[in-house]
PDB file of N, CA and C in Angstrom:
ATOM      1  N   MET A   1      81.296 -80.094 -73.683  1.00  0.00           N
ATOM      2  CA  MET A   1      80.364 -79.202 -74.000  1.00  0.00           C
ATOM      3  C   MET A   1      79.640 -79.482 -72.925  1.00  0.00           C
ATOM      4  N   LEU A   2      79.578 -77.929 -72.327  1.00  0.00           N
ATOM      5  CA  LEU A   2      78.540 -77.353 -71.153  1.00  0.00           C
ATOM      6  C   LEU A   2      77.088 -77.998 -71.759  1.00  0.00           C
ATOM      7  N   GLY A   3      76.189 -78.042 -71.158  1.00  0.00           N
ATOM      8  CA  GLY A   3      74.208 -77.410 -71.614  1.00  0.00           C
ATOM      9  C   GLY A   3      73.762 -77.259 -70.691  1.00  0.00           C
ATOM     10  N   HIS A   4      73.000 -76.288 -70.989  1.00  0.00           N
ATOM     11  CA  HIS A   4      71.969 -76.129 -69.780  1.00  0.00           C
ATOM     12  C   HIS A   4      70.483 -76.998 -69.797  1.00  0.00           C
ATOM     13  N   LYS A   5      70.148 -76.638 -68.832  1.00  0.00           N
ATOM     14  CA  LYS A   5      68.970 -77.700 -68.234  1.00  0.00           C
ATOM     15  C   LYS A   5      68.351 -76.631 -67.592  1.00  0.00           C
ATOM     16  N   LYS A   6      66.713 -77.304 -67.129  1.00  0.00           N
ATOM     17  CA  LYS A   6      65.808 -76.286 -66.496  1.00  0.00           C
ATOM     18  C   LYS A   6      65.417 -77.597 -65.823  1.00  0.00           C
ATOM     19  N   THR A   7      65.001 -77.475 -64.496  1.00  0.00           N
ATOM     20  CA  THR A   7      64.444 -78.710 -63.571  1.00  0.00           C
ATOM     21  C   THR A   7      63.351 -78.084 -62.394  1.00  0.00           C
ATOM     22  N   MET A   8      62.668 -78.855 -62.433  1.00  0.00           N
ATOM     23  CA  MET A   8      61.010 -77.688 -60.768  1.00  0.00           C
ATOM     24  C   MET A   8      61.137 -78.644 -60.015  1.00  0.00           C
ATOM     25  N   GLU A   9      62.878 -79.574 -59.713  1.00  0.00           N
ATOM     26  CA  GLU A   9      63.069 -80.199 -59.119  1.00  0.00           C
ATOM     27  C   GLU A   9      62.398 -80.188 -57.471  1.00  0.00           C
ATOM     28  N   SER A  10      62.627 -78.351 -57.031  1.00  0.00           N
ATOM     29  CA  SER A  10      62.215 -77.629 -55.527  1.00  0.00           C
ATOM     30  C   SER A  10      61.260 -78.145 -55.745  1.00  0.00           C
ATOM     31  N   TYR A  11      60.545 -78.024 -56.539  1.00  0.00           N
ATOM     32  CA  TYR A  11      58.537 -77.912 -55.605  1.00  0.00           C
ATOM     33  C   TYR A  11      58.687 -79.956 -55.907  1.00  0.00           C
ATOM     34  N   LEU A  12      59.245 -80.830 -55.504  1.00  0.00           N
ATOM     35  CA  LEU A  12      58.903 -82.309 -55.503  1.00  0.00           C
ATOM     36  C   LEU A  12      58.854 -81.587 -54.178  1.00  0.00           C
ATOM     37  N   ASP A  13      58.244 -81.203 -52.755  1.00  0.00           N
ATOM     38  CA  ASP A  13      58.521 -81.328 -52.254  1.00  0.00           C
ATOM     39  C   ASP A  13      57.823 -80.475 -50.829  1.00  0.00           C
ATOM     40  N   PHE A  14      56.743 -80.209 -52.355  1.00  0.00           N
ATOM     41  CA  PHE A  14      55.383 -79.603 -52.516  1.00  0.00           C
ATOM     42  C   PHE A  14      54.258 -80.100 -52.256  1.00  0.00           C
ATOM     43  N   GLY A  15      52.850 -80.784 -51.342  1.00  0.00           N
ATOM     44  CA  GLY A  15      51.722 -80.485 -51.514  1.00  0.00           C
ATOM     45  C   GLY A  15      51.900 -82.616 -52.078  1.00  0.00           C
ATOM     46  N   VAL A  16      50.882 -82.437 -53.047  1.00  0.00           N
ATOM     47  CA  VAL A  16      50.625 -82.678 -54.510  1.00  0.00           C
ATOM     48  C   VAL A  16      51.349 -83.284 -55.449  1.00  0.00           C
ATOM     49  N   PHE A  17      53.301 -82.813 -55.777  1.00  0.00           N
ATOM     50  CA  PHE A  17      53.774 -83.120 -56.411  1.00  0.00           C
ATOM     51  C   PHE A  17      55.015 -83.251 -55.741  1.00  0.00           C
ATOM     52  N   GLN A  18      55.027 -84.173 -54.561  1.00  0.00           N
ATOM     53  CA  GLN A  18      55.954 -84.951 -53.263  1.00  0.00           C
ATOM     54  C   GLN A  18      55.868 -86.787 -54.616  1.00  0.00           C
ATOM     55  N   ARG A  19      54.955 -86.564 -54.705  1.00  0.00           N
ATOM     56  CA  ARG A  19      54.227 -88.067 -55.508  1.00  0.00           C
ATOM     57  C   ARG A  19      54.753 -88.679 -56.819  1.00  0.00           C
ATOM     58  N   LEU A  20      55.971 -86.916 -57.253  1.00  0.00           N
ATOM     59  CA  LEU A  20      55.985 -87.489 -58.473  1.00  0.00           C
ATOM     60  C   LEU A  20      57.769 -87.867 -57.923  1.00  0.00           C
ATOM     61  N   LYS A  21      57.940 -87.610 -57.176  1.00  0.00           N
ATOM     62  CA  LYS A  21      59.041 -88.342 -57.297  1.00  0.00           C
ATOM     63  C   LYS A  21      58.736 -90.055 -56.913  1.00  0.00           C
ATOM     64  N   GLU A  22      58.210 -90.611 -57.082  1.00  0.00           N
ATOM     65  CA  GLU A  22      58.376 -92.318 -57.293  1.00  0.00           C
ATOM     66  C   GLU A  22      57.673 -92.316 -58.984  1.00  0.00           C
ATOM     67  N   ARG A  23      58.367 -93.049 -59.598  1.00  0.00           N
ATOM     68  CA  ARG A  23      58.337 -93.108 -60.698  1.00  0.00           C
ATOM     69  C   ARG A  23      57.816 -93.969 -61.148  1.00  0.00           C
ATOM     70  N   GLU A  24      56.410 -94.511 -60.607  1.00  0.00           N
ATOM     71  CA  GLU A  24      54.766 -95.098 -61.246  1.00  0.00           C
ATOM     72  C   GLU A  24      54.027 -93.188 -61.213  1.00  0.00           C
ATOM     73  N   GLU A  25      54.516 -92.864 -60.828  1.00  0.00           N
ATOM     74  CA  GLU A  25      53.911 -91.928 -60.377  1.00  0.00           C
ATOM     75  C   GLU A  25      53.771 -90.851 -61.394  1.00  0.00           C
ATOM     76  N   PHE A  26      55.012 -90.335 -61.477  1.00  0.00           N
ATOM     77  CA  PHE A  26      55.959 -89.442 -62.842  1.00  0.00           C
ATOM     78  C   PHE A  26      55.626 -90.125 -64.111  1.00  0.00           C
ATOM     79  N   ASN A  27      55.864 -91.222 -64.155  1.00  0.00           N
ATOM     80  CA  ASN A  27      55.134 -92.116 -65.578  1.00  0.00           C
ATOM     81  C   ASN A  27      54.117 -91.973 -66.188  1.00  0.00           C
ATOM     82  N   GLN A  28      53.185 -90.775 -65.159  1.00  0.00           N
ATOM     83  CA  GLN A  28      51.654 -90.908 -65.671  1.00  0.00           C
ATOM     84  C   GLN A  28      51.347 -89.400 -66.241  1.00  0.00           C
ATOM     85  N   VAL A  29      52.085 -89.148 -65.987  1.00  0.00           N
ATOM     86  CA  VAL A  29      52.623 -87.420 -66.124  1.00  0.00           C
ATOM     87  C   VAL A  29      51.843 -87.254 -67.712  1.00  0.00           C
ATOM     88  N   ARG A  30      51.191 -86.338 -67.539  1.00  0.00           N
ATOM     89  CA  ARG A  30      51.133 -86.412 -69.570  1.00  0.00           C
ATOM     90  C   ARG A  30      50.345 -84.812 -70.318  1.00  0.00           C
ATOM     91  N   VAL A  31      50.150 -84.933 -70.801  1.00  0.00           N
ATOM     92  CA  VAL A  31      50.052 -83.702 -71.990  1.00  0.00           C
ATOM     93  C   VAL A  31      48.333 -83.489 -72.277  1.00  0.00           C
ATOM     94  N   SER A  32      47.142 -82.778 -71.473  1.00  0.00           N
ATOM     95  CA  SER A  32      46.132 -82.920 -72.236  1.00  0.00           C
ATOM     96  C   SER A  32      45.843 -81.398 -73.095  1.00  0.00           C
ATOM     97  N   PHE A  33      45.516 -80.932 -73.863  1.00  0.00           N
ATOM     98  CA  PHE A  33      44.984 -79.800 -74.464  1.00  0.00           C
ATOM     99  C   PHE A  33      46.489 -79.061 -74.963  1.00  0.00           C
ATOM    100  N   ASN A  34      46.545 -77.971 -73.887  1.00  0.00           N
ATOM    101  CA  ASN A  34      47.942 -77.102 -73.808  1.00  0.00           C
ATOM    102  C   ASN A  34      47.545 -76.936 -72.384  1.00  0.00           C
ATOM    103  N   THR A  35      48.009 -78.435 -71.833  1.00  0.00           N
ATOM    104  CA  THR A  35      48.878 -78.276 -70.238  1.00  0.00           C
ATOM    105  C   THR A  35      49.730 -79.795 -69.714  1.00  0.00           C
ATOM    106  N   ILE A  36      50.083 -79.332 -68.684  1.00  0.00           N
ATOM    107  CA  ILE A  36      50.591 -80.841 -68.413  1.00  0.00           C
ATOM    108  C   ILE A  36      49.669 -81.580 -67.100  1.00  0.00           C
ATOM    109  N   GLU A  37      49.492 -82.650 -67.034  1.00  0.00           N
ATOM    110  CA  GLU A  37      48.267 -83.090 -66.424  1.00  0.00           C
ATOM    111  C   GLU A  37      49.838 -84.553 -65.697  1.00  0.00           C
ATOM    112  N   CYS A  38      48.913 -84.824 -64.219  1.00  0.00           N
ATOM    113  CA  CYS A  38      49.138 -85.016 -63.374  1.00  0.00           C
ATOM    114  C   CYS A  38      48.254 -85.814 -62.459  1.00  0.00           C
ATOM    115  N   GLU A  39      48.073 -86.537 -61.541  1.00  0.00           N
ATOM    116  CA  GLU A  39      46.671 -87.629 -61.214  1.00  0.00           C
ATOM    117  C   GLU A  39      47.258 -86.510 -59.919  1.00  0.00           C
ATOM    118  N   PRO A  40      46.114 -86.190 -58.415  1.00  0.00           N
ATOM    119  CA  PRO A  40      44.921 -86.329 -58.644  1.00  0.00           C
ATOM    120  C   PRO A  40      44.254 -85.362 -59.357  1.00  0.00           C
ATOM    121  N   GLY A  41      44.466 -84.862 -60.901  1.00  0.00           N
ATOM    122  CA  GLY A  41      43.907 -84.042 -61.727  1.00  0.00           C
ATOM    123  C   GLY A  41      45.110 -82.988 -61.501  1.00  0.00           C
ATOM    124  N   VAL A  42      45.985 -82.577 -61.397  1.00  0.00           N
ATOM    125  CA  VAL A  42      46.103 -81.995 -61.230  1.00  0.00           C
ATOM    126  C   VAL A  42      46.727 -81.355 -62.831  1.00  0.00           C
ATOM    127  N   ASP A  43      46.676 -79.756 -63.069  1.00  0.00           N
ATOM    128  CA  ASP A  43      47.152 -79.238 -64.399  1.00  0.00           C
ATOM    129  C   ASP A  43      47.833 -77.987 -63.751  1.00  0.00           C
ATOM    130  N   LEU A  44      49.182 -78.571 -64.659  1.00  0.00           N
ATOM    131  CA  LEU A  44      50.699 -77.118 -65.349  1.00  0.00           C
ATOM    132  C   LEU A  44      49.977 -76.854 -66.083  1.00  0.00           C
ATOM    133  N   ASP A  45      50.768 -75.075 -65.972  1.00  0.00           N
ATOM    134  CA  ASP A  45      50.349 -74.319 -67.309  1.00  0.00           C
ATOM    135  C   ASP A  45      51.844 -74.745 -67.587  1.00  0.00           C
ATOM    136  N   PRO A  46      52.246 -74.798 -69.022  1.00  0.00           N
ATOM    137  CA  PRO A  46      53.574 -75.257 -69.389  1.00  0.00           C
ATOM    138  C   PRO A  46      54.522 -73.245 -69.520  1.00  0.00           C
ATOM    139  N   GLU A  47      53.741 -72.458 -69.561  1.00  0.00           N
ATOM    140  CA  GLU A  47      54.481 -71.767 -69.411  1.00  0.00           C
ATOM    141  C   GLU A  47      55.022 -70.885 -67.912  1.00  0.00           C
ATOM    142  N   PHE A  48      53.944 -71.715 -67.196  1.00  0.00           N
ATOM    143  CA  PHE A  48      54.408 -71.688 -65.355  1.00  0.00           C
ATOM    144  C   PHE A  48      55.379 -72.602 -65.390  1.00  0.00           C
ATOM    145  N   VAL A  49      55.619 -74.275 -65.237  1.00  0.00           N
ATOM    146  CA  VAL A  49      56.684 -74.910 -65.493  1.00  0.00           C
ATOM    147  C   VAL A  49      57.687 -74.002 -65.969  1.00  0.00           C
ATOM    148  N   TYR A  50      57.964 -73.779 -67.101  1.00  0.00           N
ATOM    149  CA  TYR A  50      59.601 -72.912 -67.908  1.00  0.00           C
ATOM    150  C   TYR A  50      59.476 -71.920 -67.225  1.00  0.00           C
ATOM    151  N   ASN A  51      59.019 -70.987 -66.691  1.00  0.00           N
ATOM    152  CA  ASN A  51      59.171 -69.818 -65.691  1.00  0.00           C
ATOM    153  C   ASN A  51      59.712 -70.127 -63.864  1.00  0.00           C
ATOM    154  N   LYS A  52      58.873 -70.743 -64.341  1.00  0.00           N
ATOM    155  CA  LYS A  52      59.166 -70.845 -62.618  1.00  0.00           C
ATOM    156  C   LYS A  52      60.644 -72.426 -62.189  1.00  0.00           C
ATOM    157  N   SER A  53      61.067 -74.007 -63.773  1.00  0.00           N
ATOM    158  CA  SER A  53      61.738 -73.926 -63.054  1.00  0.00           C
ATOM    159  C   SER A  53      63.223 -73.401 -63.354  1.00  0.00           C
ATOM    160  N   GLN A  54      64.782 -74.226 -62.294  1.00  0.00           N
ATOM    161  CA  GLN A  54      65.766 -73.191 -62.110  1.00  0.00           C
ATOM    162  C   GLN A  54      66.949 -74.058 -63.470  1.00  0.00           C
ATOM    163  N   ARG A  55      67.981 -73.204 -63.479  1.00  0.00           N
ATOM    164  CA  ARG A  55      68.519 -73.733 -64.760  1.00  0.00           C
ATOM    165  C   ARG A  55      69.849 -74.198 -63.823  1.00  0.00           C
ATOM    166  N   PHE A  56      69.873 -74.900 -64.504  1.00  0.00           N
ATOM    167  CA  PHE A  56      71.254 -75.848 -64.537  1.00  0.00           C
ATOM    168  C   PHE A  56      72.266 -76.492 -65.542  1.00  0.00           C
ATOM    169  N   VAL A  57      73.659 -76.700 -65.050  1.00  0.00           N
ATOM    170  CA  VAL A  57      74.480 -76.263 -66.066  1.00  0.00           C
ATOM    171  C   VAL A  57      75.251 -78.434 -66.287  1.00  0.00           C
ATOM    172  N   THR A  58      75.109 -78.632 -66.839  1.00  0.00           N
ATOM    173  CA  THR A  58      74.893 -80.556 -67.037  1.00  0.00           C
ATOM    174  C   THR A  58      76.139 -80.499 -67.624  1.00  0.00           C
TER     175      THR A  58
END
């Protein structure tokens, strides 16, 4: 059975998001109030993440 997932992998080539390619940095991502937070203090709106994610089939 095929499933659909979404990814923001293409954003990992830009700015502060490049750090998230490293597992240690990625593991520090957390949910804080109504946002997704990563170092160094970058906030991502979950709706933005969902809307900008690219769909792929697994």
